[in-house]
Amino acid sequence: MPLALSAAALPLFAADTATPAAPGITDGLGQMLLGLAVVLGLLLGCLWLIKKLSAPHGAAAGLRVLGAVPVGPRERVVLVEVGG
């Protein structure tokens, strides 16, 4: 009787050992594009935040550089508009 039991159970275990089909190129394409969109969104959000945080505050907020002329290796003359 033990021999008959093992022979009957053999087809049940044979289905578990079948090799799965290889995934196609389009299987993970949607997930990859979604991940790319998330990364690009985070990048753009961080760039916007850096731009907002680095804006001049206080006295420098009313200054506008109209022109600059170098007069030496480390010196320059700058024309600045203050306020309006």
N, C-alpha and C. Protein backbone atom coordinates (compact mmCIF):
# COMPACT_ATOMS: atom_id res chain seq x y z
N MET A 1 0.80 -1.20 0.00
CA MET A 1 0.00 0.00 0.00
C MET A 1 0.85 1.28 0.00
N PRO A 2 1.96 1.37 0.70
CA PRO A 2 2.76 2.59 0.65
C PRO A 2 3.25 2.90 -0.76
N LEU A 3 3.49 1.89 -1.56
CA LEU A 3 3.92 2.10 -2.92
C LEU A 3 2.83 2.75 -3.76
N ALA A 4 1.62 2.37 -3.57
CA ALA A 4 0.49 2.94 -4.31
C ALA A 4 0.26 4.40 -3.90
N LEU A 5 0.49 4.72 -2.64
CA LEU A 5 0.32 6.09 -2.17
C LEU A 5 1.36 7.02 -2.80
N SER A 6 2.59 6.57 -2.87
CA SER A 6 3.64 7.43 -3.42
C SER A 6 3.47 7.60 -4.93
N ALA A 7 2.98 6.61 -5.60
CA ALA A 7 2.76 6.72 -7.04
C ALA A 7 1.60 7.67 -7.32
N ALA A 8 0.60 7.68 -6.46
CA ALA A 8 -0.54 8.57 -6.66
C ALA A 8 -0.18 10.02 -6.33
N ALA A 9 0.76 10.22 -5.42
CA ALA A 9 1.13 11.57 -5.02
C ALA A 9 2.16 12.18 -5.98
N LEU A 10 2.78 11.39 -6.82
CA LEU A 10 3.81 11.88 -7.73
C LEU A 10 3.31 12.97 -8.68
N PRO A 11 2.17 12.85 -9.32
CA PRO A 11 1.71 13.92 -10.21
C PRO A 11 1.43 15.23 -9.47
N LEU A 12 1.11 15.19 -8.20
CA LEU A 12 0.86 16.42 -7.46
C LEU A 12 2.15 17.23 -7.28
N PHE A 13 3.26 16.55 -7.06
CA PHE A 13 4.52 17.24 -6.87
C PHE A 13 5.18 17.60 -8.19
N ALA A 14 4.85 16.93 -9.24
CA ALA A 14 5.45 17.21 -10.54
C ALA A 14 5.02 18.59 -11.05
N ALA A 15 3.83 19.03 -10.71
CA ALA A 15 3.35 20.34 -11.17
C ALA A 15 4.12 21.47 -10.49
N ASP A 16 4.64 21.26 -9.29
CA ASP A 16 5.36 22.30 -8.57
C ASP A 16 6.76 22.53 -9.14
N THR A 17 7.31 21.57 -9.82
CA THR A 17 8.69 21.69 -10.29
C THR A 17 8.76 22.18 -11.73
N ALA A 18 7.66 22.57 -12.33
CA ALA A 18 7.69 23.07 -13.71
C ALA A 18 8.40 24.42 -13.74
N THR A 19 9.18 24.65 -14.78
CA THR A 19 9.91 25.91 -14.90
C THR A 19 8.95 27.00 -15.38
N PRO A 20 8.97 28.15 -14.74
CA PRO A 20 8.08 29.24 -15.17
C PRO A 20 8.58 29.84 -16.48
N ALA A 21 7.68 30.43 -17.21
CA ALA A 21 8.04 31.05 -18.48
C ALA A 21 8.87 32.31 -18.20
N ALA A 22 9.80 32.61 -19.08
CA ALA A 22 10.64 33.80 -18.92
C ALA A 22 9.78 35.05 -19.09
N PRO A 23 9.97 36.05 -18.25
CA PRO A 23 9.17 37.27 -18.38
C PRO A 23 9.52 38.02 -19.65
N GLY A 24 8.52 38.62 -20.26
CA GLY A 24 8.74 39.40 -21.47
C GLY A 24 9.22 40.80 -21.14
N ILE A 25 9.60 41.54 -22.16
CA ILE A 25 10.13 42.89 -21.95
C ILE A 25 9.03 43.86 -21.52
N THR A 26 7.80 43.59 -21.89
CA THR A 26 6.71 44.52 -21.56
C THR A 26 6.10 44.25 -20.19
N ASP A 27 6.50 43.18 -19.52
CA ASP A 27 5.91 42.87 -18.21
C ASP A 27 6.24 43.94 -17.18
N GLY A 28 7.45 44.42 -17.15
CA GLY A 28 7.85 45.40 -16.14
C GLY A 28 7.93 46.82 -16.68
N LEU A 29 7.48 47.04 -17.91
CA LEU A 29 7.60 48.36 -18.52
C LEU A 29 6.76 49.41 -17.80
N GLY A 30 5.54 49.07 -17.43
CA GLY A 30 4.68 50.02 -16.72
C GLY A 30 5.25 50.39 -15.37
N GLN A 31 5.74 49.40 -14.66
CA GLN A 31 6.33 49.66 -13.34
C GLN A 31 7.60 50.51 -13.48
N MET A 32 8.39 50.27 -14.51
CA MET A 32 9.60 51.05 -14.72
C MET A 32 9.26 52.51 -15.05
N LEU A 33 8.26 52.71 -15.91
CA LEU A 33 7.87 54.08 -16.26
C LEU A 33 7.28 54.82 -15.07
N LEU A 34 6.52 54.12 -14.24
CA LEU A 34 5.98 54.74 -13.03
C LEU A 34 7.12 55.14 -12.08
N GLY A 35 8.08 54.29 -11.91
CA GLY A 35 9.23 54.62 -11.07
C GLY A 35 10.02 55.80 -11.61
N LEU A 36 10.18 55.85 -12.93
CA LEU A 36 10.88 56.97 -13.56
C LEU A 36 10.11 58.27 -13.34
N ALA A 37 8.79 58.23 -13.46
CA ALA A 37 7.97 59.42 -13.24
C ALA A 37 8.08 59.90 -11.80
N VAL A 38 8.12 58.98 -10.84
CA VAL A 38 8.26 59.36 -9.43
C VAL A 38 9.61 60.01 -9.19
N VAL A 39 10.67 59.45 -9.73
CA VAL A 39 12.01 60.01 -9.54
C VAL A 39 12.11 61.39 -10.18
N LEU A 40 11.59 61.55 -11.38
CA LEU A 40 11.63 62.86 -12.04
C LEU A 40 10.79 63.87 -11.28
N GLY A 41 9.64 63.46 -10.75
CA GLY A 41 8.81 64.36 -9.95
C GLY A 41 9.53 64.81 -8.69
N LEU A 42 10.19 63.89 -8.01
CA LEU A 42 10.97 64.25 -6.83
C LEU A 42 12.11 65.20 -7.18
N LEU A 43 12.77 64.96 -8.31
CA LEU A 43 13.86 65.83 -8.73
C LEU A 43 13.35 67.25 -9.00
N LEU A 44 12.26 67.36 -9.74
CA LEU A 44 11.71 68.68 -10.03
C LEU A 44 11.21 69.38 -8.76
N GLY A 45 10.60 68.62 -7.85
CA GLY A 45 10.15 69.20 -6.59
C GLY A 45 11.31 69.71 -5.75
N CYS A 46 12.39 68.96 -5.71
CA CYS A 46 13.57 69.41 -4.95
C CYS A 46 14.20 70.64 -5.58
N LEU A 47 14.26 70.68 -6.91
CA LEU A 47 14.82 71.86 -7.58
C LEU A 47 13.97 73.10 -7.32
N TRP A 48 12.65 72.95 -7.34
CA TRP A 48 11.76 74.07 -7.04
C TRP A 48 11.96 74.55 -5.61
N LEU A 49 12.08 73.60 -4.67
CA LEU A 49 12.28 73.95 -3.27
C LEU A 49 13.61 74.67 -3.06
N ILE A 50 14.66 74.21 -3.71
CA ILE A 50 15.96 74.87 -3.60
C ILE A 50 15.88 76.29 -4.15
N LYS A 51 15.18 76.46 -5.26
CA LYS A 51 15.03 77.80 -5.84
C LYS A 51 14.27 78.73 -4.91
N LYS A 52 13.22 78.22 -4.27
CA LYS A 52 12.44 79.05 -3.35
C LYS A 52 13.22 79.40 -2.09
N LEU A 53 14.01 78.46 -1.58
CA LEU A 53 14.75 78.70 -0.35
C LEU A 53 15.99 79.57 -0.57
N SER A 54 16.51 79.60 -1.79
CA SER A 54 17.72 80.38 -2.04
C SER A 54 17.42 81.80 -2.54
N ALA A 55 16.15 82.17 -2.60
CA ALA A 55 15.79 83.52 -3.04
C ALA A 55 16.28 84.53 -1.99
N PRO A 56 16.77 85.68 -2.43
CA PRO A 56 17.26 86.68 -1.48
C PRO A 56 16.13 87.25 -0.63
N HIS A 57 16.42 87.47 0.64
CA HIS A 57 15.46 88.04 1.58
C HIS A 57 16.05 89.32 2.17
N GLY A 58 15.20 90.18 2.67
CA GLY A 58 15.66 91.37 3.37
C GLY A 58 16.18 92.43 2.41
N ALA A 59 17.36 93.00 2.70
CA ALA A 59 17.91 94.11 1.95
C ALA A 59 18.28 93.71 0.52
N ALA A 60 18.69 92.48 0.30
CA ALA A 60 19.11 92.05 -1.02
C ALA A 60 17.94 91.81 -1.96
N ALA A 61 16.72 91.78 -1.44
CA ALA A 61 15.56 91.49 -2.28
C ALA A 61 15.27 92.64 -3.24
N GLY A 62 15.62 93.88 -2.92
CA GLY A 62 15.36 95.01 -3.78
C GLY A 62 16.49 95.36 -4.72
N LEU A 63 17.53 94.57 -4.79
CA LEU A 63 18.68 94.86 -5.64
C LEU A 63 18.56 94.14 -6.98
N ARG A 64 18.98 94.85 -8.04
CA ARG A 64 19.00 94.24 -9.37
C ARG A 64 20.29 94.65 -10.06
N VAL A 65 21.04 93.69 -10.56
CA VAL A 65 22.31 93.97 -11.23
C VAL A 65 22.01 94.36 -12.67
N LEU A 66 22.42 95.57 -13.06
CA LEU A 66 22.19 96.06 -14.42
C LEU A 66 23.34 95.73 -15.35
N GLY A 67 24.54 95.66 -14.82
CA GLY A 67 25.70 95.34 -15.65
C GLY A 67 26.94 95.20 -14.80
N ALA A 68 27.95 94.53 -15.37
CA ALA A 68 29.22 94.34 -14.66
C ALA A 68 30.36 94.35 -15.68
N VAL A 69 31.47 94.99 -15.30
CA VAL A 69 32.65 95.06 -16.16
C VAL A 69 33.85 94.63 -15.34
N PRO A 70 34.60 93.62 -15.79
CA PRO A 70 35.81 93.22 -15.05
C PRO A 70 36.92 94.24 -15.23
N VAL A 71 37.58 94.59 -14.12
CA VAL A 71 38.69 95.54 -14.17
C VAL A 71 39.99 94.90 -13.72
N GLY A 72 39.98 93.66 -13.38
CA GLY A 72 41.17 92.94 -12.93
C GLY A 72 40.83 91.46 -12.84
N PRO A 73 41.82 90.68 -12.40
CA PRO A 73 41.56 89.23 -12.32
C PRO A 73 40.49 88.86 -11.29
N ARG A 74 40.33 89.68 -10.23
CA ARG A 74 39.34 89.38 -9.21
C ARG A 74 38.40 90.55 -8.92
N GLU A 75 38.56 91.63 -9.64
CA GLU A 75 37.75 92.81 -9.37
C GLU A 75 36.83 93.08 -10.55
N ARG A 76 35.68 93.69 -10.25
CA ARG A 76 34.77 94.12 -11.28
C ARG A 76 33.97 95.31 -10.78
N VAL A 77 33.51 96.12 -11.70
CA VAL A 77 32.65 97.27 -11.39
C VAL A 77 31.22 96.83 -11.76
N VAL A 78 30.31 97.00 -10.82
CA VAL A 78 28.93 96.54 -11.00
C VAL A 78 28.00 97.71 -10.87
N LEU A 79 27.04 97.84 -11.80
CA LEU A 79 25.99 98.84 -11.74
C LEU A 79 24.75 98.17 -11.19
N VAL A 80 24.23 98.69 -10.05
CA VAL A 80 23.13 98.04 -9.34
C VAL A 80 21.97 99.01 -9.22
N GLU A 81 20.76 98.53 -9.43
CA GLU A 81 19.55 99.32 -9.22
C GLU A 81 18.96 98.91 -7.88
N VAL A 82 18.66 99.89 -7.02
CA VAL A 82 18.11 99.62 -5.70
C VAL A 82 16.66 100.06 -5.70
N GLY A 83 15.78 99.15 -5.30
CA GLY A 83 14.36 99.48 -5.24
C GLY A 83 13.80 99.64 -6.64
N GLY A 84 13.21 100.80 -6.94
CA GLY A 84 12.63 101.06 -8.27
C GLY A 84 13.48 102.03 -8.98
